[in-house]
Amino acid sequence: MTAQADPDRMTASARQSAARFHCDVMAIYVRVPNSSEADHRAMEEKLARAREAGAHVDVLESEDPIDSIVQYARSHGITQIFVGHSMKKDWRSRLWGTPVSRLIRTAEGMDVRVFPH
């Protein structure tokens, strides 16, 4: 999850998939160094809502969120990743691609579902 993502929509969709595949819903947030206090507060609220919806929540700390997400998924046998994604394009994403495109490339063997915001 990110501070901008819609946790209710993502969690509801994940719960539908979990019911279909008889598995758990896990929500993770990768806290990066130098992230703002406002982002931390927004994420705590979103993670609380995910917990209320029945998701297992973990908070990771890393300078590379993509690598952390994929390592976490592989170590927990996760086969589907639901991720929020901003529709805004800046020069960095045009030059190097978006974090979501990197996640999709890195998460080989896993399904990645993107929730635009």
C-alpha atoms as a PDB file:
ATOM      1  CA  MET A   1       0.000   0.000   0.000  1.00  0.00           C
ATOM      2  CA  THR A   2       0.974   3.583  -0.480  1.00  0.00           C
ATOM      3  CA  ALA A   3      -0.289   6.763   1.172  1.00  0.00           C
ATOM      4  CA  GLN A   4      -2.303   7.547  -1.974  1.00  0.00           C
ATOM      5  CA  ALA A   5      -3.815   4.076  -2.529  1.00  0.00           C
ATOM      6  CA  ASP A   6      -7.461   3.228  -1.795  1.00  0.00           C
ATOM      7  CA  PRO A   7      -7.169   0.529   0.885  1.00  0.00           C
ATOM      8  CA  ASP A   8     -10.878  -0.295   0.931  1.00  0.00           C
ATOM      9  CA  ARG A   9     -11.047  -1.078  -2.786  1.00  0.00           C
ATOM     10  CA  MET A  10      -7.778  -3.014  -2.747  1.00  0.00           C
ATOM     11  CA  THR A  11      -8.679  -5.003   0.377  1.00  0.00           C
ATOM     12  CA  ALA A  12     -12.167  -5.840  -0.920  1.00  0.00           C
ATOM     13  CA  SER A  13     -10.692  -7.134  -4.165  1.00  0.00           C
ATOM     14  CA  ALA A  14      -8.003  -9.078  -2.310  1.00  0.00           C
ATOM     15  CA  ARG A  15     -10.627 -10.634  -0.026  1.00  0.00           C
ATOM     16  CA  GLN A  16     -12.617 -11.800  -3.077  1.00  0.00           C
ATOM     17  CA  SER A  17      -9.505 -13.450  -4.504  1.00  0.00           C
ATOM     18  CA  ALA A  18      -8.619 -14.941  -1.116  1.00  0.00           C
ATOM     19  CA  ALA A  19     -12.073 -16.482  -0.810  1.00  0.00           C
ATOM     20  CA  ARG A  20     -11.793 -17.929  -4.305  1.00  0.00           C
ATOM     21  CA  PHE A  21      -8.323 -19.375  -3.729  1.00  0.00           C
ATOM     22  CA  HIS A  22      -8.723 -20.196   0.000  1.00  0.00           C
ATOM     23  CA  CYS A  23      -5.818 -18.060   1.173  1.00  0.00           C
ATOM     24  CA  ASP A  24      -5.030 -15.110   3.438  1.00  0.00           C
ATOM     25  CA  VAL A  25      -4.957 -11.406   2.683  1.00  0.00           C
ATOM     26  CA  MET A  26      -1.744  -9.633   3.623  1.00  0.00           C
ATOM     27  CA  ALA A  27      -1.159  -5.893   3.424  1.00  0.00           C
ATOM     28  CA  ILE A  28       2.343  -4.516   3.515  1.00  0.00           C
ATOM     29  CA  TYR A  29       3.712  -1.034   3.580  1.00  0.00           C
ATOM     30  CA  VAL A  30       7.358  -0.314   2.859  1.00  0.00           C
ATOM     31  CA  ARG A  31       8.456   2.724   4.823  1.00  0.00           C
ATOM     32  CA  VAL A  32      11.317   4.440   3.041  1.00  0.00           C
ATOM     33  CA  PRO A  33      13.856   6.690   4.764  1.00  0.00           C
ATOM     34  CA  ASN A  34      12.951  10.378   4.723  1.00  0.00           C
ATOM     35  CA  SER A  35       9.240   9.773   4.115  1.00  0.00           C
ATOM     36  CA  SER A  36       7.064  12.479   5.592  1.00  0.00           C
ATOM     37  CA  GLU A  37       5.193  12.367   8.890  1.00  0.00           C
ATOM     38  CA  ALA A  38       1.984  13.052   6.936  1.00  0.00           C
ATOM     39  CA  ASP A  39       2.584   9.904   4.873  1.00  0.00           C
ATOM     40  CA  HIS A  40       3.199   7.896   8.073  1.00  0.00           C
ATOM     41  CA  ARG A  41      -0.070   9.119   9.588  1.00  0.00           C
ATOM     42  CA  ALA A  42      -2.017   8.444   6.378  1.00  0.00           C
ATOM     43  CA  MET A  43      -0.551   4.954   6.179  1.00  0.00           C
ATOM     44  CA  GLU A  44      -1.348   4.123   9.795  1.00  0.00           C
ATOM     45  CA  GLU A  45      -4.985   4.982   9.106  1.00  0.00           C
ATOM     46  CA  LYS A  46      -5.048   2.889   5.925  1.00  0.00           C
ATOM     47  CA  LEU A  47      -3.328  -0.050   7.584  1.00  0.00           C
ATOM     48  CA  ALA A  48      -5.831   0.103  10.446  1.00  0.00           C
ATOM     49  CA  ARG A  49      -8.651  -0.111   7.903  1.00  0.00           C
ATOM     50  CA  ALA A  50      -6.956  -3.090   6.248  1.00  0.00           C
ATOM     51  CA  ARG A  51      -6.664  -4.807   9.663  1.00  0.00           C
ATOM     52  CA  GLU A  52     -10.350  -4.146  10.326  1.00  0.00           C
ATOM     53  CA  ALA A  53     -11.143  -5.797   6.987  1.00  0.00           C
ATOM     54  CA  GLY A  54      -9.271  -8.925   8.110  1.00  0.00           C
ATOM     55  CA  ALA A  55      -5.886  -8.444   6.443  1.00  0.00           C
ATOM     56  CA  HIS A  56      -2.637  -9.424   8.137  1.00  0.00           C
ATOM     57  CA  VAL A  57      -0.514  -6.253   8.132  1.00  0.00           C
ATOM     58  CA  ASP A  58       3.268  -5.910   8.081  1.00  0.00           C
ATOM     59  CA  VAL A  59       5.353  -2.742   7.887  1.00  0.00           C
ATOM     60  CA  LEU A  60       8.802  -3.080   6.317  1.00  0.00           C
ATOM     61  CA  GLU A  61      11.613  -0.535   6.175  1.00  0.00           C
ATOM     62  CA  SER A  62      13.798  -0.301   3.110  1.00  0.00           C
ATOM     63  CA  GLU A  63      15.402   2.061   0.661  1.00  0.00           C
ATOM     64  CA  ASP A  64      14.190  -0.183  -2.175  1.00  0.00           C
ATOM     65  CA  PRO A  65      10.451  -0.830  -1.819  1.00  0.00           C
ATOM     66  CA  ILE A  66      10.226  -2.962  -4.972  1.00  0.00           C
ATOM     67  CA  ASP A  67      12.930  -5.365  -3.847  1.00  0.00           C
ATOM     68  CA  SER A  68      11.387  -5.549  -0.369  1.00  0.00           C
ATOM     69  CA  ILE A  69       7.919  -6.314  -1.743  1.00  0.00           C
ATOM     70  CA  VAL A  70       9.190  -9.087  -4.007  1.00  0.00           C
ATOM     71  CA  GLN A  71      11.409 -10.622  -1.298  1.00  0.00           C
ATOM     72  CA  TYR A  72       8.522 -10.535   1.169  1.00  0.00           C
ATOM     73  CA  ALA A  73       6.175 -12.118  -1.375  1.00  0.00           C
ATOM     74  CA  ARG A  74       8.611 -14.891  -2.241  1.00  0.00           C
ATOM     75  CA  SER A  75       9.386 -15.664   1.418  1.00  0.00           C
ATOM     76  CA  HIS A  76       5.666 -15.864   2.267  1.00  0.00           C
ATOM     77  CA  GLY A  77       4.573 -17.857  -0.798  1.00  0.00           C
ATOM     78  CA  ILE A  78       2.509 -14.982  -2.169  1.00  0.00           C
ATOM     79  CA  THR A  79       1.337 -15.437  -5.751  1.00  0.00           C
ATOM     80  CA  GLN A  80      -0.735 -12.273  -6.245  1.00  0.00           C
ATOM     81  CA  ILE A  81       0.334  -8.703  -5.526  1.00  0.00           C
ATOM     82  CA  PHE A  82      -2.168  -5.851  -5.497  1.00  0.00           C
ATOM     83  CA  VAL A  83      -0.551  -2.434  -5.802  1.00  0.00           C
ATOM     84  CA  GLY A  84      -1.696   1.170  -6.035  1.00  0.00           C
ATOM     85  CA  HIS A  85      -0.288   3.259  -8.861  1.00  0.00           C
ATOM     86  CA  SER A  86      -0.399   6.965  -9.604  1.00  0.00           C
ATOM     87  CA  MET A  87      -1.532   7.906 -13.085  1.00  0.00           C
ATOM     88  CA  LYS A  88       0.742  10.958 -13.070  1.00  0.00           C
ATOM     89  CA  LYS A  89       3.767  10.766 -15.329  1.00  0.00           C
ATOM     90  CA  ASP A  90       6.925  12.664 -14.544  1.00  0.00           C
ATOM     91  CA  TRP A  91      10.243  12.834 -16.355  1.00  0.00           C
ATOM     92  CA  ARG A  92      11.789  10.058 -14.214  1.00  0.00           C
ATOM     93  CA  SER A  93       9.036   7.571 -15.041  1.00  0.00           C
ATOM     94  CA  ARG A  94       9.276   8.465 -18.728  1.00  0.00           C
ATOM     95  CA  LEU A  95      13.025   7.942 -18.667  1.00  0.00           C
ATOM     96  CA  TRP A  96      13.364   4.873 -16.405  1.00  0.00           C
ATOM     97  CA  GLY A  97       9.819   3.507 -16.177  1.00  0.00           C
ATOM     98  CA  THR A  98       7.500   3.520 -13.199  1.00  0.00           C
ATOM     99  CA  PRO A  99       8.021   1.620  -9.951  1.00  0.00           C
ATOM    100  CA  VAL A 100       5.003  -0.510 -10.890  1.00  0.00           C
ATOM    101  CA  SER A 101       6.569  -1.513 -14.212  1.00  0.00           C
ATOM    102  CA  ARG A 102       9.727  -2.477 -12.292  1.00  0.00           C
ATOM    103  CA  LEU A 103       7.617  -4.463  -9.817  1.00  0.00           C
ATOM    104  CA  ILE A 104       5.908  -6.334 -12.643  1.00  0.00           C
ATOM    105  CA  ARG A 105       9.280  -7.195 -14.208  1.00  0.00           C
ATOM    106  CA  THR A 106      10.808  -8.237 -10.865  1.00  0.00           C
ATOM    107  CA  ALA A 107       7.839 -10.271  -9.588  1.00  0.00           C
ATOM    108  CA  GLU A 108       8.349 -13.069 -12.080  1.00  0.00           C
ATOM    109  CA  GLY A 109       5.872 -15.894 -11.499  1.00  0.00           C
ATOM    110  CA  MET A 110       3.467 -13.669  -9.539  1.00  0.00           C
ATOM    111  CA  ASP A 111       0.349 -11.906 -10.734  1.00  0.00           C
ATOM    112  CA  VAL A 112       0.415  -8.135 -10.184  1.00  0.00           C
ATOM    113  CA  ARG A 113      -2.908  -6.289 -10.124  1.00  0.00           C
ATOM    114  CA  VAL A 114      -2.672  -2.514 -10.434  1.00  0.00           C
ATOM    115  CA  PHE A 115      -5.156  -0.121  -8.802  1.00  0.00           C
ATOM    116  CA  PRO A 116      -4.807   3.338 -10.372  1.00  0.00           C
ATOM    117  CA  HIS A 117      -5.308   6.411  -8.208  1.00  0.00           C
END
